[in-house]
Structure formats: structure tokens, C-alpha cells
Amino acid sequence: MCIVERVGTFERMKKRALVAVPLLALLAVFAATNLSCATVGCATQGPNQLTAADGVCLQTYALAPEPQPRASVVVVHGLRDHAVRYQPLADALKAKNMAVYAVDLHGHGRSGGARQRFESIEQLVEDVRQVVKVAKTEHPGVPVFLYGHSLGGLITTTYGLEHPEDLAGFILSAPGIKLKPDVTSGQVSAARFFGAVLPGLPAQPLGPVEDFTSNPEERVNMTRDPLIVLADLPARSTRAAIDGIEAVQARAEEVKLPMLVMHGDADLITNIDGSRELVKRAASTDKTLVLWEGQHHDLMHEPKHDEVIAKAVEWVEAHALAR
């Protein structure tokens, strides 16, 4: 296991960097060396494995295979998350004759790469695009929808902007598409600085599991799941997420695909205003916002998860029939 000792917060390190260039250089070498600890291969050898452009193995899943589906849904997970956690959604979609695919993103789940490490949102979009291509190859002419949660919501929105021709629409669950109000310009500058010089540095706290879900059982499951990383987000990934968020904010009016956006109004992880504003600003004439009262971030594992799943399935079914 590769371990990087946390050096300090972005703000403290930015001040130290101005007076401690030799130390910073040594740390940069250390962070770069840490990249060699990344596993290029998947965690286990098995079916449904693809290779990313940088050679990293991507573990993909047919969570709900269907020989002749009415639609295909590709699930895009978030941080502290992985594809198999969406099996209940997949089962509900399969009951309506939908095929469901998913991928463990770079550095997540059973895919290769340094844990939680990604270079850009576009890199993750390409992870997902490989799975979309599989769905289209296996089911030609069948509409494809994305379901993106949290970071996956940012990836999904970016995908919809860059490759709208691939999709019939998408669902966003607590998408991370707007910075939280307490994020300062200094923190953003520090994220960009350390993302460039110390890419592997654990830098951005993601919050306690209590902020992800109000369900005590799910909190325990998160801490015990060997495929979930509870460490801070690496500096390069933090920079990539900020860049991706700013790109979506700059282009929100260009979103034209049908979309369902869902957010818990007790979410402490992602900014609910991002969901509200995307639905307001998007050019799409088919857009729905659902706010779940009292629900925390991880809607798929909150007390109202059955209602969340039912809403998602209802939306996909309606839009598959409309085509």
C-alpha cells in the first residue's frame, strides 16, 4: 500500500512554499515518486475490463444486462464511491427492461491508478465514453442515458456538453457542479498551485462519513468497504475538479439534453445551488429539479432511497418511450 504523509493544508503550504523552495522541491520529488506506487492493472483479473488512454485498467460492469432493452443507462459514481453500490438502481431499471452499465473511474473501486487520482474531468469523461460505446455496440439504436452522482454529476454534465450526440438525456444526483460558498479565491489558487507541483499530495478533506449519509448502517458500510478510500483528495484531483466546475459554470446555458436533477436539501457535501442554477440556466426545454427534504448527500443510500430510485426509473422509462 502506498502512503503519503499529509504535510498540511493548502493555505499553510502556500505560505511555506515562498520561503522553503528546497523543501518544496524535495516534496515534489516525493509526490512524483509516489505515482510509481499506482497499480496500472485492475485489482483482479476478470471480464469487462477496458484500457484507458494512459494505460490504466478500467473495471466496467454490466450491472443489469438485458438482451433487448428499451434503453441503456450508464452509471457514473462519485467520490468515496464505486460502481457496484448502484446495484439496487440497476435492479429496478432491469425490472423495466433497461440495461445498466457502470465503470469504476480512474483510481476508484477495482480500476487501476493511484487512489482517487485523476488528471482532469475530461479524462474521466473518456472513461465513461468507453462504456457508452460498449452499450451502443451491444444495443445499436437503443437510447443511452447517464446517471451521475456527485463527482459523477460533474462528469455527466461535462459529457452532455462535449458529446450530446451520444445521449438521450441524463440524471444528476447531488452533482458537484458549483463550488461551496465558503471556498475562497486563495484556496482555489492554492489548489491549482499544489495540483501542479505536488499532484499526489493528500490535500482536500472530503468530510466525515456522517456528512455523506444520515443512515447509521450506511456509515458503517462506508468505513468497512475496502473499495472506498476515506483519505483526502489528492491535489491534482482537487485542481481537476475545480477546473471542471468552472467550465460547467461558464457553459451552463449550453446544456440542451433532457435532464432530471435531484438533490437532498440537507446535503453538506455538494452545493445545492448548483442544481438549482443548472436547471434554471440550461437551454433544455425538458428539465426537472427534485429536492428531497431532509436527505443528505448520498441519495442512493439515504432513508428515502426507494423513492429516489423510483423517480429515476420513472424518468428513464418515460423518456425511453418518448423516443
Protein backbone atom coordinates (compact mmCIF):
# COMPACT_ATOMS: atom_id res chain seq x y z
CA MET A 1 0.00 0.00 0.00
CA CYS A 2 1.30 3.46 -0.90
CA ILE A 3 1.04 6.03 1.88
CA VAL A 4 1.64 9.76 1.55
CA GLU A 5 2.08 11.63 4.81
CA ARG A 6 -0.09 14.72 4.90
CA VAL A 7 2.07 17.84 5.14
CA GLY A 8 -0.59 20.44 5.89
CA THR A 9 -3.41 22.48 4.46
CA PHE A 10 -3.23 24.34 1.18
CA GLU A 11 -3.06 27.70 2.90
CA ARG A 12 -0.19 26.80 5.25
CA MET A 13 1.79 25.13 2.48
CA LYS A 14 1.36 28.04 0.11
CA LYS A 15 2.96 30.36 2.69
CA ARG A 16 5.77 27.91 3.41
CA ALA A 17 6.45 27.42 -0.30
CA LEU A 18 7.52 31.06 -0.61
CA VAL A 19 10.34 30.62 1.91
CA ALA A 20 11.16 26.92 1.56
CA VAL A 21 11.85 26.23 -2.11
CA PRO A 22 14.39 23.43 -1.41
CA LEU A 23 11.92 21.63 0.83
CA LEU A 24 9.18 22.09 -1.76
CA ALA A 25 11.44 20.59 -4.42
CA LEU A 26 12.06 17.54 -2.25
CA LEU A 27 8.37 17.14 -1.60
CA ALA A 28 7.67 17.41 -5.32
CA VAL A 29 10.14 14.59 -5.97
CA PHE A 30 8.45 12.54 -3.26
CA ALA A 31 4.99 13.16 -4.71
CA ALA A 32 6.16 12.26 -8.19
CA THR A 33 7.81 9.09 -6.88
CA ASN A 34 4.56 8.14 -5.21
CA LEU A 35 2.96 7.84 -8.64
CA SER A 36 5.02 4.70 -9.23
CA CYS A 37 3.00 3.05 -6.48
CA ALA A 38 -0.14 3.31 -8.61
CA THR A 39 -1.46 -0.02 -9.87
CA VAL A 40 -1.83 0.09 -13.64
CA GLY A 41 -3.72 -3.18 -13.73
CA CYS A 42 -7.17 -3.79 -12.32
CA ALA A 43 -7.39 -5.09 -8.77
CA THR A 44 -8.40 -8.52 -10.06
CA GLN A 45 -8.37 -10.10 -13.48
CA GLY A 46 -11.82 -10.69 -14.90
CA PRO A 47 -14.35 -9.83 -17.59
CA ASN A 48 -15.45 -6.38 -18.72
CA GLN A 49 -12.06 -4.72 -18.37
CA LEU A 50 -11.02 -1.86 -20.65
CA THR A 51 -7.81 0.11 -21.03
CA ALA A 52 -7.78 3.88 -20.61
CA ALA A 53 -5.72 6.13 -22.88
CA ASP A 54 -2.93 6.30 -20.26
CA GLY A 55 -2.78 2.51 -19.97
CA VAL A 56 -4.69 2.23 -16.70
CA CYS A 57 -7.08 -0.72 -16.48
CA LEU A 58 -10.74 0.23 -16.06
CA GLN A 59 -13.11 -2.21 -14.42
CA THR A 60 -16.52 -1.97 -16.05
CA TYR A 61 -19.75 -3.74 -15.16
CA ALA A 62 -22.94 -4.89 -16.78
CA LEU A 63 -24.95 -4.31 -13.61
CA ALA A 64 -28.19 -5.31 -15.32
CA PRO A 65 -27.65 -6.94 -18.72
CA GLU A 66 -30.67 -7.15 -21.00
CA PRO A 67 -30.73 -8.88 -24.40
CA GLN A 68 -33.20 -6.41 -25.95
CA PRO A 69 -33.52 -3.37 -23.68
CA ARG A 70 -35.68 -0.33 -24.26
CA ALA A 71 -32.81 1.85 -23.05
CA SER A 72 -29.29 1.62 -21.67
CA VAL A 73 -28.26 3.52 -18.54
CA VAL A 74 -24.60 4.13 -17.71
CA VAL A 75 -23.97 4.87 -14.03
CA VAL A 76 -21.19 7.28 -13.05
CA HIS A 77 -20.26 7.12 -9.37
CA GLY A 78 -18.82 9.84 -7.14
CA LEU A 79 -16.02 10.16 -4.59
CA ARG A 80 -15.89 7.64 -1.75
CA ASP A 81 -17.95 5.51 -4.05
CA HIS A 82 -17.76 2.80 -6.69
CA ALA A 83 -19.98 1.23 -9.34
CA VAL A 84 -21.31 -1.83 -7.51
CA ARG A 85 -23.00 0.37 -4.89
CA TYR A 86 -25.65 1.15 -7.54
CA GLN A 87 -26.92 -2.40 -7.89
CA PRO A 88 -30.34 -1.54 -6.34
CA LEU A 89 -30.86 1.11 -9.03
CA ALA A 90 -29.75 -1.36 -11.68
CA ASP A 91 -32.19 -3.99 -10.42
CA ALA A 92 -35.07 -1.51 -10.55
CA LEU A 93 -34.18 -0.45 -14.08
CA LYS A 94 -33.83 -4.08 -15.20
CA ALA A 95 -37.37 -4.71 -13.97
CA LYS A 96 -38.46 -2.16 -16.60
CA ASN A 97 -36.37 -3.82 -19.32
CA MET A 98 -33.44 -1.42 -19.14
CA ALA A 99 -29.78 -2.43 -19.46
CA VAL A 100 -27.41 -0.88 -16.92
CA TYR A 101 -23.66 -0.42 -17.29
CA ALA A 102 -21.10 1.18 -14.99
CA VAL A 103 -17.37 1.79 -14.59
CA ASP A 104 -15.03 2.25 -11.66
CA LEU A 105 -13.33 5.51 -12.59
CA HIS A 106 -9.57 6.09 -12.57
CA GLY A 107 -8.26 5.41 -9.07
CA HIS A 108 -11.54 4.05 -7.73
CA GLY A 109 -13.04 0.68 -6.93
CA ARG A 110 -11.37 -2.16 -8.79
CA SER A 111 -9.88 0.03 -11.52
CA GLY A 112 -6.17 0.84 -11.63
CA GLY A 113 -4.41 4.08 -10.86
CA ALA A 114 -3.35 5.91 -7.72
CA ARG A 115 -6.31 6.06 -5.35
CA GLN A 116 -8.72 8.93 -6.04
CA ARG A 117 -6.24 10.34 -8.55
CA PHE A 118 -7.35 11.81 -11.87
CA GLU A 119 -5.75 14.38 -14.13
CA SER A 120 -8.85 16.15 -15.42
CA ILE A 121 -12.61 15.80 -15.68
CA GLU A 122 -12.12 15.20 -19.40
CA GLN A 123 -10.06 12.12 -18.53
CA LEU A 124 -12.99 10.74 -16.54
CA VAL A 125 -15.40 11.65 -19.33
CA GLU A 126 -13.33 9.42 -21.58
CA ASP A 127 -13.57 6.60 -19.00
CA VAL A 128 -17.34 6.88 -19.24
CA ARG A 129 -17.35 7.28 -23.00
CA GLN A 130 -15.70 3.90 -23.39
CA VAL A 131 -18.62 2.31 -21.56
CA VAL A 132 -21.16 4.28 -23.58
CA LYS A 133 -19.51 2.86 -26.71
CA VAL A 134 -19.93 -0.66 -25.31
CA ALA A 135 -23.62 -0.02 -24.63
CA LYS A 136 -24.13 1.34 -28.16
CA THR A 137 -22.25 -1.58 -29.72
CA GLU A 138 -24.21 -4.19 -27.80
CA HIS A 139 -27.56 -2.46 -28.37
CA PRO A 140 -27.47 -0.46 -31.64
CA GLY A 141 -30.18 2.16 -31.92
CA VAL A 142 -31.15 1.92 -28.24
CA PRO A 143 -31.12 5.29 -26.40
CA VAL A 144 -28.40 5.79 -23.80
CA PHE A 145 -28.84 7.78 -20.60
CA LEU A 146 -26.27 8.70 -17.95
CA TYR A 147 -26.89 8.65 -14.20
CA GLY A 148 -24.19 10.68 -12.45
CA HIS A 149 -23.79 11.15 -8.69
CA SER A 150 -21.71 13.89 -7.03
CA LEU A 151 -18.39 13.98 -8.92
CA GLY A 152 -20.19 11.72 -11.37
CA GLY A 153 -22.70 14.52 -11.81
CA LEU A 154 -19.91 16.87 -12.83
CA ILE A 155 -18.60 14.24 -15.25
CA THR A 156 -22.09 13.63 -16.63
CA THR A 157 -22.80 17.33 -17.17
CA THR A 158 -19.44 17.75 -18.91
CA TYR A 159 -20.19 14.71 -21.06
CA GLY A 160 -23.54 16.24 -22.03
CA LEU A 161 -21.78 19.42 -23.09
CA GLU A 162 -18.98 17.71 -25.01
CA HIS A 163 -20.78 14.73 -26.56
CA PRO A 164 -24.53 15.41 -26.59
CA GLU A 165 -24.94 13.24 -29.70
CA ASP A 166 -24.16 10.15 -27.60
CA LEU A 167 -27.02 10.61 -25.17
CA ALA A 168 -30.79 10.75 -24.96
CA GLY A 169 -30.61 12.55 -21.62
CA PHE A 170 -29.14 12.33 -18.14
CA ILE A 171 -29.92 12.21 -14.44
CA LEU A 172 -27.85 14.10 -11.88
CA SER A 173 -27.79 13.08 -8.22
CA ALA A 174 -26.35 15.72 -5.86
CA PRO A 175 -24.00 16.93 -8.61
CA GLY A 176 -20.81 18.73 -7.66
CA ILE A 177 -21.14 21.48 -10.25
CA LYS A 178 -20.70 24.62 -8.15
CA LEU A 179 -18.11 25.46 -5.52
CA LYS A 180 -19.41 25.79 -1.97
CA PRO A 181 -19.86 29.36 -0.67
CA ASP A 182 -17.04 29.06 1.86
CA VAL A 183 -14.39 28.26 -0.79
CA THR A 184 -12.09 31.28 -1.09
CA SER A 185 -10.12 32.52 -4.07
CA GLY A 186 -6.96 31.83 -2.07
CA GLN A 187 -7.95 28.19 -1.66
CA VAL A 188 -8.62 27.91 -5.38
CA SER A 189 -5.21 29.41 -6.17
CA ALA A 190 -3.54 27.05 -3.71
CA ALA A 191 -5.34 24.07 -5.24
CA ARG A 192 -4.03 25.00 -8.68
CA PHE A 193 -0.52 25.60 -7.36
CA PHE A 194 -0.16 22.34 -5.46
CA GLY A 195 -2.05 20.43 -8.11
CA ALA A 196 0.79 21.32 -10.44
CA VAL A 197 3.84 20.88 -8.17
CA LEU A 198 2.64 18.22 -5.69
CA PRO A 199 -0.02 16.29 -7.59
CA GLY A 200 -0.10 13.29 -5.27
CA LEU A 201 -0.32 15.28 -2.02
CA PRO A 202 -3.43 14.42 0.04
CA ALA A 203 -4.84 17.92 0.17
CA GLN A 204 -8.62 18.28 0.17
CA PRO A 205 -10.67 16.83 3.05
CA LEU A 206 -13.92 15.30 1.84
CA GLY A 207 -15.72 15.48 5.18
CA PRO A 208 -16.73 12.74 7.63
CA VAL A 209 -18.96 9.87 6.56
CA GLU A 210 -21.68 11.47 8.68
CA ASP A 211 -21.89 14.24 6.08
CA PHE A 212 -22.40 11.73 3.28
CA THR A 213 -25.36 9.87 4.74
CA SER A 214 -27.69 10.13 7.71
CA ASN A 215 -28.12 6.34 7.72
CA PRO A 216 -26.02 4.83 10.58
CA GLU A 217 -25.82 1.45 8.86
CA GLU A 218 -24.55 3.01 5.65
CA ARG A 219 -21.94 4.97 7.58
CA VAL A 220 -20.58 1.70 8.93
CA ASN A 221 -20.69 0.17 5.46
CA MET A 222 -18.66 3.07 4.06
CA THR A 223 -15.93 2.72 6.69
CA ARG A 224 -15.71 -1.06 6.18
CA ASP A 225 -15.90 -1.15 2.39
CA PRO A 226 -12.37 -2.00 1.14
CA LEU A 227 -13.13 -0.30 -2.19
CA ILE A 228 -13.90 3.07 -0.57
CA VAL A 229 -10.97 5.39 0.18
CA LEU A 230 -11.52 7.73 3.13
CA ALA A 231 -8.30 9.73 2.67
CA ASP A 232 -8.18 13.34 1.49
CA LEU A 233 -8.41 14.03 -2.22
CA PRO A 234 -5.03 14.40 -3.97
CA ALA A 235 -4.04 17.89 -5.04
CA ARG A 236 -4.17 17.12 -8.77
CA SER A 237 -7.68 15.73 -8.45
CA THR A 238 -8.76 18.78 -6.46
CA ARG A 239 -7.44 21.06 -9.19
CA ALA A 240 -9.13 18.97 -11.86
CA ALA A 241 -12.49 19.15 -10.07
CA ILE A 242 -12.25 22.93 -9.64
CA ASP A 243 -11.36 23.37 -13.31
CA GLY A 244 -14.28 21.13 -14.30
CA ILE A 245 -16.73 23.02 -12.10
CA GLU A 246 -15.65 26.37 -13.51
CA ALA A 247 -16.00 25.04 -17.07
CA VAL A 248 -19.57 23.88 -16.38
CA GLN A 249 -20.44 27.20 -14.75
CA ALA A 250 -19.19 29.02 -17.84
CA ARG A 251 -21.29 26.87 -20.20
CA ALA A 252 -24.45 26.03 -18.26
CA GLU A 253 -26.64 27.78 -20.86
CA GLU A 254 -25.37 25.34 -23.49
CA VAL A 255 -26.87 22.25 -21.86
CA LYS A 256 -29.69 21.13 -24.17
CA LEU A 257 -30.32 17.50 -23.27
CA PRO A 258 -33.34 16.34 -21.25
CA MET A 259 -32.36 16.11 -17.61
CA LEU A 260 -33.59 15.17 -14.16
CA VAL A 261 -31.64 16.82 -11.34
CA MET A 262 -32.05 15.55 -7.77
CA HIS A 263 -30.52 16.90 -4.57
CA GLY A 264 -31.06 16.39 -0.85
CA ASP A 265 -31.83 19.68 0.89
CA ALA A 266 -29.66 18.60 3.85
CA ASP A 267 -26.62 17.94 1.65
CA LEU A 268 -23.36 19.03 3.33
CA ILE A 269 -21.01 17.80 0.59
CA THR A 270 -22.08 19.47 -2.66
CA ASN A 271 -23.67 22.86 -3.22
CA ILE A 272 -27.42 22.53 -3.80
CA ASP A 273 -27.42 25.90 -5.57
CA GLY A 274 -25.52 24.25 -8.40
CA SER A 275 -28.52 22.03 -9.08
CA ARG A 276 -30.99 24.89 -8.82
CA GLU A 277 -28.99 27.14 -11.13
CA LEU A 278 -28.27 24.50 -13.76
CA VAL A 279 -31.97 23.77 -14.17
CA LYS A 280 -32.69 27.48 -14.38
CA ARG A 281 -29.88 28.32 -16.81
CA ALA A 282 -29.83 25.28 -19.13
CA ALA A 283 -31.21 25.71 -22.63
CA SER A 284 -33.02 22.38 -22.38
CA THR A 285 -36.80 22.60 -22.55
CA ASP A 286 -37.09 19.26 -20.76
CA LYS A 287 -35.61 19.72 -17.30
CA THR A 288 -36.84 18.75 -13.85
CA LEU A 289 -35.49 19.58 -10.41
CA VAL A 290 -36.42 17.39 -7.42
CA LEU A 291 -35.28 18.41 -3.94
CA TRP A 292 -35.51 15.64 -1.34
CA GLU A 293 -36.49 17.04 2.05
CA GLY A 294 -34.20 16.10 4.93
CA GLN A 295 -31.93 13.92 2.80
CA HIS A 296 -28.14 14.10 2.91
CA HIS A 297 -25.65 13.78 0.06
CA ASP A 298 -25.70 10.09 -0.85
CA LEU A 299 -29.28 9.85 -2.09
CA MET A 300 -28.91 6.21 -3.14
CA HIS A 301 -28.21 5.29 0.50
CA GLU A 302 -30.46 7.70 2.35
CA PRO A 303 -33.76 6.75 4.09
CA LYS A 304 -35.74 7.81 1.01
CA HIS A 305 -33.56 5.82 -1.39
CA ASP A 306 -36.51 3.75 -2.63
CA GLU A 307 -38.31 6.93 -3.66
CA VAL A 308 -35.17 8.29 -5.31
CA ILE A 309 -34.76 5.08 -7.30
CA ALA A 310 -38.43 5.05 -8.27
CA LYS A 311 -38.19 8.64 -9.53
CA ALA A 312 -35.10 7.87 -11.60
CA VAL A 313 -36.66 4.75 -13.13
CA GLU A 314 -39.89 6.59 -13.89
CA TRP A 315 -37.97 9.35 -15.66
CA VAL A 316 -35.85 7.00 -17.77
CA GLU A 317 -38.89 4.91 -18.72
CA ALA A 318 -40.87 7.96 -19.78
CA HIS A 319 -38.02 9.31 -21.90
CA ALA A 320 -37.24 5.94 -23.45
CA LEU A 321 -40.87 5.57 -24.51
CA ALA A 322 -40.92 9.10 -25.91
CA ARG A 323 -38.22 8.32 -28.47
